[in-house]
């Protein structure tokens, strides 16, 4: 059973990063309500600024290039917030042009996370609203902690829309009608309702934050080497992520190419041979 590793602050001290012994890279968002590095006595709201996006981007790239990493786990610091999204005080200081590039950078970073051929699990340890939900929706699987926490995209109350992939990803995840209702009302709701609409995959009734972290680590561990075929999981992700945006015949062609790549892999040879010999396969990711 993997243990929560010691995390190291990234350059701007707005993300903590570490890797478990079984290859789970942990990206922990950590900031106060102003989006500044968290100081003792302040609540971790985990709002983001341009500097946090730099840290997230660096962490994603670290996990992507690390051959020992097969799963990425993104979560928030503390027991109250996964993330409250962008720091409103920070946004209020920016020019419209700067805001545009700020959103562009955020979109590029989430696209990098989404396109990384490693499974991404979002551990929603608290309130997940605005840009926080937009970050979570870029993950492949979302696991929430049971509690009196809110989810939603309330940007309309500020006179703007959810511009970090919110309108695009929510509509793809829950459908046009439901996503419209959520965003035009700006209402917030509980994780249980989010599960009912398949926005989150499960809600864990963990007794404490520490137990929740361990429960999610145990869940993510099933997708790590040598128990899971990480290369196959990565190709499944690539097919789903890219294939939904192209016509079916092209998606099928992409699927065949990804399958051909897997048929030539050591993992496929090991998996098929183990099945025939009625043994448990050990995968290497090669």
C-alpha atoms as a PDB file:
ATOM      1  CA  UNK A   1       0.000   0.000   0.000  1.00  0.00           C
ATOM      2  CA  UNK A   2       1.455   3.340  -1.081  1.00  0.00           C
ATOM      3  CA  UNK A   3       1.926   6.102   1.457  1.00  0.00           C
ATOM      4  CA  UNK A   4       1.458   9.829   0.958  1.00  0.00           C
ATOM      5  CA  UNK A   5       4.963  11.057   0.017  1.00  0.00           C
ATOM      6  CA  UNK A   6       6.832  14.088   1.268  1.00  0.00           C
ATOM      7  CA  UNK A   7       5.915  16.897  -1.117  1.00  0.00           C
ATOM      8  CA  UNK A   8       8.297  19.582  -2.334  1.00  0.00           C
ATOM      9  CA  UNK A   9       7.201  23.135  -3.207  1.00  0.00           C
ATOM     10  CA  UNK A  10       7.524  24.135  -6.848  1.00  0.00           C
ATOM     11  CA  UNK A  11       9.284  27.365  -7.874  1.00  0.00           C
ATOM     12  CA  UNK A  12       6.489  29.786  -6.878  1.00  0.00           C
ATOM     13  CA  UNK A  13       5.455  27.803  -3.763  1.00  0.00           C
ATOM     14  CA  UNK A  14       1.884  27.499  -5.096  1.00  0.00           C
ATOM     15  CA  UNK A  15       2.042  23.787  -5.907  1.00  0.00           C
ATOM     16  CA  UNK A  16       3.582  20.940  -3.928  1.00  0.00           C
ATOM     17  CA  UNK A  17       4.860  17.916  -5.849  1.00  0.00           C
ATOM     18  CA  UNK A  18       5.978  14.420  -4.989  1.00  0.00           C
ATOM     19  CA  UNK A  19       5.926  10.825  -6.231  1.00  0.00           C
ATOM     20  CA  UNK A  20       4.910   7.708  -4.312  1.00  0.00           C
ATOM     21  CA  UNK A  21       6.984   4.535  -4.328  1.00  0.00           C
ATOM     22  CA  UNK A  22       4.526   2.944  -6.775  1.00  0.00           C
ATOM     23  CA  UNK A  23       4.659   5.775  -9.317  1.00  0.00           C
ATOM     24  CA  UNK A  24       1.778   8.088  -8.438  1.00  0.00           C
ATOM     25  CA  UNK A  25       2.744  11.728  -9.011  1.00  0.00           C
ATOM     26  CA  UNK A  26       0.919  14.071  -6.630  1.00  0.00           C
ATOM     27  CA  UNK A  27       0.188  17.671  -7.615  1.00  0.00           C
ATOM     28  CA  UNK A  28      -1.163  19.605  -4.627  1.00  0.00           C
ATOM     29  CA  UNK A  29      -2.547  23.114  -5.140  1.00  0.00           C
ATOM     30  CA  UNK A  30      -1.748  25.403  -2.194  1.00  0.00           C
ATOM     31  CA  UNK A  31      -2.514  29.116  -1.800  1.00  0.00           C
ATOM     32  CA  UNK A  32      -4.570  31.593   0.214  1.00  0.00           C
ATOM     33  CA  UNK A  33      -7.635  33.501  -1.014  1.00  0.00           C
ATOM     34  CA  UNK A  34      -5.411  36.060  -2.753  1.00  0.00           C
ATOM     35  CA  UNK A  35      -3.567  33.343  -4.639  1.00  0.00           C
ATOM     36  CA  UNK A  36      -0.404  33.944  -2.612  1.00  0.00           C
ATOM     37  CA  UNK A  37       1.787  31.255  -0.999  1.00  0.00           C
ATOM     38  CA  UNK A  38       0.046  29.933   2.099  1.00  0.00           C
ATOM     39  CA  UNK A  39       1.253  31.279   5.426  1.00  0.00           C
ATOM     40  CA  UNK A  40       0.570  29.909   8.885  1.00  0.00           C
ATOM     41  CA  UNK A  41      -2.834  30.955  10.207  1.00  0.00           C
ATOM     42  CA  UNK A  42      -4.436  31.369   6.780  1.00  0.00           C
ATOM     43  CA  UNK A  43      -6.976  29.025   5.192  1.00  0.00           C
ATOM     44  CA  UNK A  44      -5.945  27.059   2.119  1.00  0.00           C
ATOM     45  CA  UNK A  45      -8.432  28.185  -0.539  1.00  0.00           C
ATOM     46  CA  UNK A  46      -6.098  27.177  -3.379  1.00  0.00           C
ATOM     47  CA  UNK A  47      -7.076  29.971  -5.744  1.00  0.00           C
ATOM     48  CA  UNK A  48      -4.878  30.447  -8.747  1.00  0.00           C
ATOM     49  CA  UNK A  49      -2.868  33.202 -10.365  1.00  0.00           C
ATOM     50  CA  UNK A  50      -0.527  33.185 -13.345  1.00  0.00           C
ATOM     51  CA  UNK A  51       2.245  32.030 -11.015  1.00  0.00           C
ATOM     52  CA  UNK A  52       0.251  28.975  -9.897  1.00  0.00           C
ATOM     53  CA  UNK A  53      -0.310  27.997 -13.530  1.00  0.00           C
ATOM     54  CA  UNK A  54       3.445  28.097 -14.035  1.00  0.00           C
ATOM     55  CA  UNK A  55       3.833  25.708 -11.092  1.00  0.00           C
ATOM     56  CA  UNK A  56       1.053  23.406 -12.332  1.00  0.00           C
ATOM     57  CA  UNK A  57       2.591  23.350 -15.803  1.00  0.00           C
ATOM     58  CA  UNK A  58       6.028  22.474 -14.415  1.00  0.00           C
ATOM     59  CA  UNK A  59       4.535  19.706 -12.263  1.00  0.00           C
ATOM     60  CA  UNK A  60       2.613  18.200 -15.172  1.00  0.00           C
ATOM     61  CA  UNK A  61       5.769  18.152 -17.284  1.00  0.00           C
ATOM     62  CA  UNK A  62       7.750  16.576 -14.448  1.00  0.00           C
ATOM     63  CA  UNK A  63       5.193  13.773 -14.219  1.00  0.00           C
ATOM     64  CA  UNK A  64       4.978  13.387 -17.994  1.00  0.00           C
ATOM     65  CA  UNK A  65       8.719  12.919 -18.480  1.00  0.00           C
ATOM     66  CA  UNK A  66       9.197  10.653 -15.442  1.00  0.00           C
ATOM     67  CA  UNK A  67       9.218   7.035 -16.660  1.00  0.00           C
ATOM     68  CA  UNK A  68       8.538   5.876 -13.103  1.00  0.00           C
ATOM     69  CA  UNK A  69       5.201   7.748 -13.023  1.00  0.00           C
ATOM     70  CA  UNK A  70       2.118   5.999 -14.395  1.00  0.00           C
ATOM     71  CA  UNK A  71      -0.661   7.947 -12.616  1.00  0.00           C
ATOM     72  CA  UNK A  72      -1.095  11.647 -11.795  1.00  0.00           C
ATOM     73  CA  UNK A  73      -3.141  12.637  -8.751  1.00  0.00           C
ATOM     74  CA  UNK A  74      -4.172  16.287  -8.428  1.00  0.00           C
ATOM     75  CA  UNK A  75      -5.687  17.611  -5.202  1.00  0.00           C
ATOM     76  CA  UNK A  76      -5.917  20.670  -2.977  1.00  0.00           C
ATOM     77  CA  UNK A  77      -4.143  21.462   0.270  1.00  0.00           C
ATOM     78  CA  UNK A  78      -6.171  21.361   3.486  1.00  0.00           C
ATOM     79  CA  UNK A  79      -9.601  19.999   4.297  1.00  0.00           C
ATOM     80  CA  UNK A  80     -11.897  22.765   3.004  1.00  0.00           C
ATOM     81  CA  UNK A  81     -11.099  23.483  -0.655  1.00  0.00           C
ATOM     82  CA  UNK A  82      -9.921  21.597  -3.694  1.00  0.00           C
ATOM     83  CA  UNK A  83      -9.825  25.005  -5.364  1.00  0.00           C
ATOM     84  CA  UNK A  84     -12.017  28.097  -5.456  1.00  0.00           C
ATOM     85  CA  UNK A  85     -10.703  28.943  -8.921  1.00  0.00           C
ATOM     86  CA  UNK A  86      -9.072  32.188  -9.937  1.00  0.00           C
ATOM     87  CA  UNK A  87      -8.240  34.775  -7.283  1.00  0.00           C
ATOM     88  CA  UNK A  88     -10.809  37.527  -7.902  1.00  0.00           C
ATOM     89  CA  UNK A  89      -8.591  40.153  -6.272  1.00  0.00           C
ATOM     90  CA  UNK A  90      -5.824  39.142  -8.654  1.00  0.00           C
ATOM     91  CA  UNK A  91      -8.116  39.329 -11.687  1.00  0.00           C
ATOM     92  CA  UNK A  92      -9.333  42.759 -10.635  1.00  0.00           C
ATOM     93  CA  UNK A  93      -5.793  44.122 -11.040  1.00  0.00           C
ATOM     94  CA  UNK A  94      -5.336  42.859 -14.604  1.00  0.00           C
ATOM     95  CA  UNK A  95      -6.034  44.585 -17.902  1.00  0.00           C
ATOM     96  CA  UNK A  96      -8.506  42.892 -20.301  1.00  0.00           C
ATOM     97  CA  UNK A  97      -5.648  41.924 -22.620  1.00  0.00           C
ATOM     98  CA  UNK A  98      -3.656  40.410 -19.755  1.00  0.00           C
ATOM     99  CA  UNK A  99      -6.777  38.492 -18.638  1.00  0.00           C
ATOM    100  CA  UNK A 100      -7.034  37.024 -22.126  1.00  0.00           C
ATOM    101  CA  UNK A 101      -3.461  35.704 -22.048  1.00  0.00           C
ATOM    102  CA  UNK A 102      -4.023  34.501 -18.481  1.00  0.00           C
ATOM    103  CA  UNK A 103      -6.964  32.372 -19.678  1.00  0.00           C
ATOM    104  CA  UNK A 104      -4.973  31.195 -22.695  1.00  0.00           C
ATOM    105  CA  UNK A 105      -2.122  29.997 -20.484  1.00  0.00           C
ATOM    106  CA  UNK A 106      -4.576  28.195 -18.201  1.00  0.00           C
ATOM    107  CA  UNK A 107      -6.218  26.500 -21.191  1.00  0.00           C
ATOM    108  CA  UNK A 108      -2.864  25.415 -22.577  1.00  0.00           C
ATOM    109  CA  UNK A 109      -1.826  23.967 -19.217  1.00  0.00           C
ATOM    110  CA  UNK A 110      -5.057  21.995 -18.784  1.00  0.00           C
ATOM    111  CA  UNK A 111      -4.770  20.744 -22.347  1.00  0.00           C
ATOM    112  CA  UNK A 112      -1.261  19.533 -21.535  1.00  0.00           C
ATOM    113  CA  UNK A 113      -2.646  17.692 -18.496  1.00  0.00           C
ATOM    114  CA  UNK A 114      -5.505  16.262 -20.544  1.00  0.00           C
ATOM    115  CA  UNK A 115      -3.257  15.128 -23.395  1.00  0.00           C
ATOM    116  CA  UNK A 116      -0.592  13.530 -21.197  1.00  0.00           C
ATOM    117  CA  UNK A 117      -0.932   9.774 -21.849  1.00  0.00           C
ATOM    118  CA  UNK A 118      -1.031   8.924 -18.163  1.00  0.00           C
ATOM    119  CA  UNK A 119      -4.198   8.515 -16.116  1.00  0.00           C
ATOM    120  CA  UNK A 120      -5.129  11.662 -14.164  1.00  0.00           C
ATOM    121  CA  UNK A 121      -7.229  11.341 -11.000  1.00  0.00           C
ATOM    122  CA  UNK A 122      -8.632  14.444  -9.288  1.00  0.00           C
ATOM    123  CA  UNK A 123      -9.082  14.004  -5.527  1.00  0.00           C
ATOM    124  CA  UNK A 124     -11.690  16.604  -4.603  1.00  0.00           C
ATOM    125  CA  UNK A 125     -10.954  17.174  -0.929  1.00  0.00           C
ATOM    126  CA  UNK A 126     -13.319  20.155  -0.484  1.00  0.00           C
ATOM    127  CA  UNK A 127     -15.198  22.917  -2.287  1.00  0.00           C
ATOM    128  CA  UNK A 128     -14.647  22.675  -6.045  1.00  0.00           C
ATOM    129  CA  UNK A 129     -16.052  25.777  -7.682  1.00  0.00           C
ATOM    130  CA  UNK A 130     -15.331  28.026 -10.650  1.00  0.00           C
ATOM    131  CA  UNK A 131     -11.873  27.416 -12.016  1.00  0.00           C
ATOM    132  CA  UNK A 132     -11.398  24.679  -9.444  1.00  0.00           C
ATOM    133  CA  UNK A 133     -14.082  22.626 -11.181  1.00  0.00           C
ATOM    134  CA  UNK A 134     -12.525  23.495 -14.530  1.00  0.00           C
ATOM    135  CA  UNK A 135      -9.225  21.986 -13.345  1.00  0.00           C
ATOM    136  CA  UNK A 136     -11.019  18.893 -12.061  1.00  0.00           C
ATOM    137  CA  UNK A 137     -12.849  18.399 -15.363  1.00  0.00           C
ATOM    138  CA  UNK A 138      -9.514  18.120 -17.181  1.00  0.00           C
ATOM    139  CA  UNK A 139      -8.787  14.984 -15.126  1.00  0.00           C
ATOM    140  CA  UNK A 140      -9.852  11.544 -16.336  1.00  0.00           C
ATOM    141  CA  UNK A 141     -11.453  10.446 -13.065  1.00  0.00           C
ATOM    142  CA  UNK A 142     -12.874  12.574 -10.243  1.00  0.00           C
ATOM    143  CA  UNK A 143     -13.197  11.198  -6.701  1.00  0.00           C
ATOM    144  CA  UNK A 144     -14.831  13.473  -4.093  1.00  0.00           C
ATOM    145  CA  UNK A 145     -14.747  13.522  -0.313  1.00  0.00           C
ATOM    146  CA  UNK A 146     -18.157  13.351   1.337  1.00  0.00           C
ATOM    147  CA  UNK A 147     -19.042  16.490   3.268  1.00  0.00           C
ATOM    148  CA  UNK A 148     -20.854  19.797   3.136  1.00  0.00           C
ATOM    149  CA  UNK A 149     -18.935  20.908   0.053  1.00  0.00           C
ATOM    150  CA  UNK A 150     -20.108  22.821  -2.993  1.00  0.00           C
ATOM    151  CA  UNK A 151     -19.528  22.293  -6.700  1.00  0.00           C
ATOM    152  CA  UNK A 152     -20.414  24.656  -9.531  1.00  0.00           C
ATOM    153  CA  UNK A 153     -19.501  27.242 -12.132  1.00  0.00           C
ATOM    154  CA  UNK A 154     -20.841  30.541 -10.730  1.00  0.00           C
ATOM    155  CA  UNK A 155     -18.921  32.843 -13.110  1.00  0.00           C
ATOM    156  CA  UNK A 156     -22.155  34.307 -14.513  1.00  0.00           C
ATOM    157  CA  UNK A 157     -22.606  36.198 -11.226  1.00  0.00           C
ATOM    158  CA  UNK A 158     -19.414  38.108 -12.112  1.00  0.00           C
ATOM    159  CA  UNK A 159     -20.677  38.912 -15.586  1.00  0.00           C
ATOM    160  CA  UNK A 160     -18.354  36.417 -17.289  1.00  0.00           C
ATOM    161  CA  UNK A 161     -18.373  32.772 -18.344  1.00  0.00           C
ATOM    162  CA  UNK A 162     -16.328  29.775 -17.226  1.00  0.00           C
ATOM    163  CA  UNK A 163     -13.459  30.532 -19.596  1.00  0.00           C
ATOM    164  CA  UNK A 164     -10.867  27.957 -18.587  1.00  0.00           C
ATOM    165  CA  UNK A 165     -12.564  25.129 -20.434  1.00  0.00           C
ATOM    166  CA  UNK A 166     -15.721  25.245 -18.323  1.00  0.00           C
ATOM    167  CA  UNK A 167     -18.343  25.605 -21.049  1.00  0.00           C
ATOM    168  CA  UNK A 168     -16.537  23.146 -23.314  1.00  0.00           C
ATOM    169  CA  UNK A 169     -15.817  20.364 -20.829  1.00  0.00           C
ATOM    170  CA  UNK A 170     -19.003  20.555 -18.756  1.00  0.00           C
ATOM    171  CA  UNK A 171     -21.194  20.272 -21.850  1.00  0.00           C
ATOM    172  CA  UNK A 172     -19.213  17.237 -22.981  1.00  0.00           C
ATOM    173  CA  UNK A 173     -19.418  15.597 -19.566  1.00  0.00           C
ATOM    174  CA  UNK A 174     -23.059  16.170 -18.591  1.00  0.00           C
ATOM    175  CA  UNK A 175     -24.737  17.183 -21.847  1.00  0.00           C
ATOM    176  CA  UNK A 176     -25.980  20.423 -23.364  1.00  0.00           C
ATOM    177  CA  UNK A 177     -29.208  20.888 -21.399  1.00  0.00           C
ATOM    178  CA  UNK A 178     -27.764  20.183 -17.950  1.00  0.00           C
ATOM    179  CA  UNK A 179     -24.621  22.218 -18.508  1.00  0.00           C
ATOM    180  CA  UNK A 180     -26.679  25.199 -19.708  1.00  0.00           C
ATOM    181  CA  UNK A 181     -28.840  25.088 -16.588  1.00  0.00           C
ATOM    182  CA  UNK A 182     -25.827  24.863 -14.281  1.00  0.00           C
ATOM    183  CA  UNK A 183     -23.932  27.726 -15.896  1.00  0.00           C
ATOM    184  CA  UNK A 184     -26.717  30.241 -16.596  1.00  0.00           C
ATOM    185  CA  UNK A 185     -28.051  29.931 -13.042  1.00  0.00           C
ATOM    186  CA  UNK A 186     -24.570  29.792 -11.522  1.00  0.00           C
ATOM    187  CA  UNK A 187     -25.969  27.552  -8.807  1.00  0.00           C
ATOM    188  CA  UNK A 188     -23.780  25.442  -6.544  1.00  0.00           C
ATOM    189  CA  UNK A 189     -24.620  21.879  -5.564  1.00  0.00           C
ATOM    190  CA  UNK A 190     -23.339  18.945  -3.545  1.00  0.00           C
ATOM    191  CA  UNK A 191     -21.000  16.160  -4.639  1.00  0.00           C
ATOM    192  CA  UNK A 192     -23.883  13.685  -4.459  1.00  0.00           C
ATOM    193  CA  UNK A 193     -25.751  15.563  -7.201  1.00  0.00           C
ATOM    194  CA  UNK A 194     -22.523  15.806  -9.170  1.00  0.00           C
ATOM    195  CA  UNK A 195     -22.256  12.016  -8.974  1.00  0.00           C
ATOM    196  CA  UNK A 196     -25.842  11.585 -10.147  1.00  0.00           C
ATOM    197  CA  UNK A 197     -25.023  13.517 -13.319  1.00  0.00           C
ATOM    198  CA  UNK A 198     -21.699  11.621 -13.751  1.00  0.00           C
ATOM    199  CA  UNK A 199     -19.663  14.772 -13.159  1.00  0.00           C
ATOM    200  CA  UNK A 200     -17.794  12.934 -10.406  1.00  0.00           C
ATOM    201  CA  UNK A 201     -17.263   9.189 -10.448  1.00  0.00           C
ATOM    202  CA  UNK A 202     -17.545   8.479  -6.729  1.00  0.00           C
ATOM    203  CA  UNK A 203     -17.982  10.130  -3.344  1.00  0.00           C
ATOM    204  CA  UNK A 204     -15.888   8.579  -0.574  1.00  0.00           C
ATOM    205  CA  UNK A 205     -17.279   8.559   2.962  1.00  0.00           C
ATOM    206  CA  UNK A 206     -13.802   8.912   4.470  1.00  0.00           C
ATOM    207  CA  UNK A 207     -13.619   9.754   8.168  1.00  0.00           C
ATOM    208  CA  UNK A 208     -10.808  12.311   7.809  1.00  0.00           C
ATOM    209  CA  UNK A 209      -8.688  14.077   5.211  1.00  0.00           C
ATOM    210  CA  UNK A 210      -5.840  11.641   5.875  1.00  0.00           C
ATOM    211  CA  UNK A 211      -8.156   8.679   5.329  1.00  0.00           C
ATOM    212  CA  UNK A 212      -9.487  10.249   2.124  1.00  0.00           C
ATOM    213  CA  UNK A 213      -5.961  10.701   0.812  1.00  0.00           C
ATOM    214  CA  UNK A 214      -5.154   7.086   1.572  1.00  0.00           C
ATOM    215  CA  UNK A 215      -8.397   5.879  -0.002  1.00  0.00           C
ATOM    216  CA  UNK A 216      -7.680   7.795  -3.215  1.00  0.00           C
ATOM    217  CA  UNK A 217      -4.054   6.610  -3.253  1.00  0.00           C
ATOM    218  CA  UNK A 218      -5.296   3.023  -2.952  1.00  0.00           C
ATOM    219  CA  UNK A 219      -7.720   3.638  -5.816  1.00  0.00           C
ATOM    220  CA  UNK A 220      -5.049   5.192  -8.025  1.00  0.00           C
ATOM    221  CA  UNK A 221      -2.638   2.398  -7.165  1.00  0.00           C
ATOM    222  CA  UNK A 222      -4.636  -0.116  -9.183  1.00  0.00           C
ATOM    223  CA  UNK A 223      -3.534   1.741 -12.338  1.00  0.00           C
ATOM    224  CA  UNK A 224       0.175   1.697 -11.486  1.00  0.00           C
ATOM    225  CA  UNK A 225       2.912  -0.688 -12.549  1.00  0.00           C
ATOM    226  CA  UNK A 226       3.388  -3.622 -12.399  1.00  0.00           C
ATOM    227  CA  UNK A 227      -0.290  -4.410 -11.768  1.00  0.00           C
ATOM    228  CA  UNK A 228      -1.781  -2.342 -14.601  1.00  0.00           C
ATOM    229  CA  UNK A 229      -0.790  -2.016 -18.238  1.00  0.00           C
ATOM    230  CA  UNK A 230       0.086   1.663 -18.050  1.00  0.00           C
ATOM    231  CA  UNK A 231       0.983   1.892 -21.744  1.00  0.00           C
ATOM    232  CA  UNK A 232      -2.417   0.486 -22.724  1.00  0.00           C
ATOM    233  CA  UNK A 233      -4.157   2.900 -20.341  1.00  0.00           C
ATOM    234  CA  UNK A 234      -2.246   5.779 -21.935  1.00  0.00           C
ATOM    235  CA  UNK A 235      -3.309   4.687 -25.426  1.00  0.00           C
ATOM    236  CA  UNK A 236      -6.933   4.305 -24.310  1.00  0.00           C
ATOM    237  CA  UNK A 237      -6.787   7.870 -23.026  1.00  0.00           C
ATOM    238  CA  UNK A 238      -5.261   9.133 -26.273  1.00  0.00           C
ATOM    239  CA  UNK A 239      -7.985   7.424 -28.321  1.00  0.00           C
ATOM    240  CA  UNK A 240     -10.827   8.779 -26.211  1.00  0.00           C
ATOM    241  CA  UNK A 241      -9.430  12.312 -25.873  1.00  0.00           C
ATOM    242  CA  UNK A 242      -8.550  12.788 -29.537  1.00  0.00           C
ATOM    243  CA  UNK A 243     -11.080  10.502 -31.140  1.00  0.00           C
ATOM    244  CA  UNK A 244     -14.202  12.256 -29.875  1.00  0.00           C
ATOM    245  CA  UNK A 245     -13.220  15.375 -31.823  1.00  0.00           C
ATOM    246  CA  UNK A 246     -12.942  13.662 -35.221  1.00  0.00           C
ATOM    247  CA  UNK A 247     -15.326  11.700 -37.503  1.00  0.00           C
ATOM    248  CA  UNK A 248     -15.943   8.071 -36.563  1.00  0.00           C
ATOM    249  CA  UNK A 249     -13.972   6.582 -39.470  1.00  0.00           C
ATOM    250  CA  UNK A 250     -10.910   8.619 -38.474  1.00  0.00           C
ATOM    251  CA  UNK A 251     -11.396   7.664 -34.837  1.00  0.00           C
ATOM    252  CA  UNK A 252     -11.433   4.005 -35.850  1.00  0.00           C
ATOM    253  CA  UNK A 253      -8.233   4.535 -37.840  1.00  0.00           C
ATOM    254  CA  UNK A 254      -6.588   6.186 -34.819  1.00  0.00           C
ATOM    255  CA  UNK A 255      -7.750   3.301 -32.645  1.00  0.00           C
ATOM    256  CA  UNK A 256      -6.179   0.766 -35.031  1.00  0.00           C
ATOM    257  CA  UNK A 257      -2.842   2.586 -34.986  1.00  0.00           C
ATOM    258  CA  UNK A 258      -2.833   2.757 -31.195  1.00  0.00           C
ATOM    259  CA  UNK A 259      -3.722  -0.937 -31.029  1.00  0.00           C
ATOM    260  CA  UNK A 260      -0.934  -1.790 -33.476  1.00  0.00           C
ATOM    261  CA  UNK A 261       1.481   0.085 -31.215  1.00  0.00           C
ATOM    262  CA  UNK A 262       0.292  -1.979 -28.248  1.00  0.00           C
ATOM    263  CA  UNK A 263       0.495  -5.306 -30.098  1.00  0.00           C
ATOM    264  CA  UNK A 264       4.220  -4.635 -30.551  1.00  0.00           C
ATOM    265  CA  UNK A 265       4.742  -3.783 -26.882  1.00  0.00           C
ATOM    266  CA  UNK A 266       6.346  -5.952 -24.229  1.00  0.00           C
ATOM    267  CA  UNK A 267       3.275  -5.465 -22.053  1.00  0.00           C
ATOM    268  CA  UNK A 268       0.914  -6.988 -24.634  1.00  0.00           C
ATOM    269  CA  UNK A 269       3.211  -9.972 -25.072  1.00  0.00           C
ATOM    270  CA  UNK A 270       3.401 -10.432 -21.297  1.00  0.00           C
ATOM    271  CA  UNK A 271      -0.336  -9.973 -20.812  1.00  0.00           C
ATOM    272  CA  UNK A 272      -1.385 -12.396 -23.540  1.00  0.00           C
ATOM    273  CA  UNK A 273       1.176 -15.017 -22.487  1.00  0.00           C
ATOM    274  CA  UNK A 274       0.106 -14.736 -18.833  1.00  0.00           C
ATOM    275  CA  UNK A 275      -3.538 -15.221 -19.814  1.00  0.00           C
ATOM    276  CA  UNK A 276      -2.720 -18.371 -21.780  1.00  0.00           C
ATOM    277  CA  UNK A 277      -0.565 -19.716 -18.946  1.00  0.00           C
ATOM    278  CA  UNK A 278      -3.177 -18.709 -16.346  1.00  0.00           C
ATOM    279  CA  UNK A 279      -0.686 -16.506 -14.511  1.00  0.00           C
ATOM    280  CA  UNK A 280      -0.812 -12.925 -13.213  1.00  0.00           C
ATOM    281  CA  UNK A 281       0.970 -10.595 -15.631  1.00  0.00           C
ATOM    282  CA  UNK A 282       3.632  -8.140 -14.518  1.00  0.00           C
ATOM    283  CA  UNK A 283       3.708  -5.058 -16.706  1.00  0.00           C
ATOM    284  CA  UNK A 284       6.674  -2.753 -17.283  1.00  0.00           C
ATOM    285  CA  UNK A 285       5.057   0.030 -19.307  1.00  0.00           C
ATOM    286  CA  UNK A 286       7.162  -0.908 -22.339  1.00  0.00           C
END
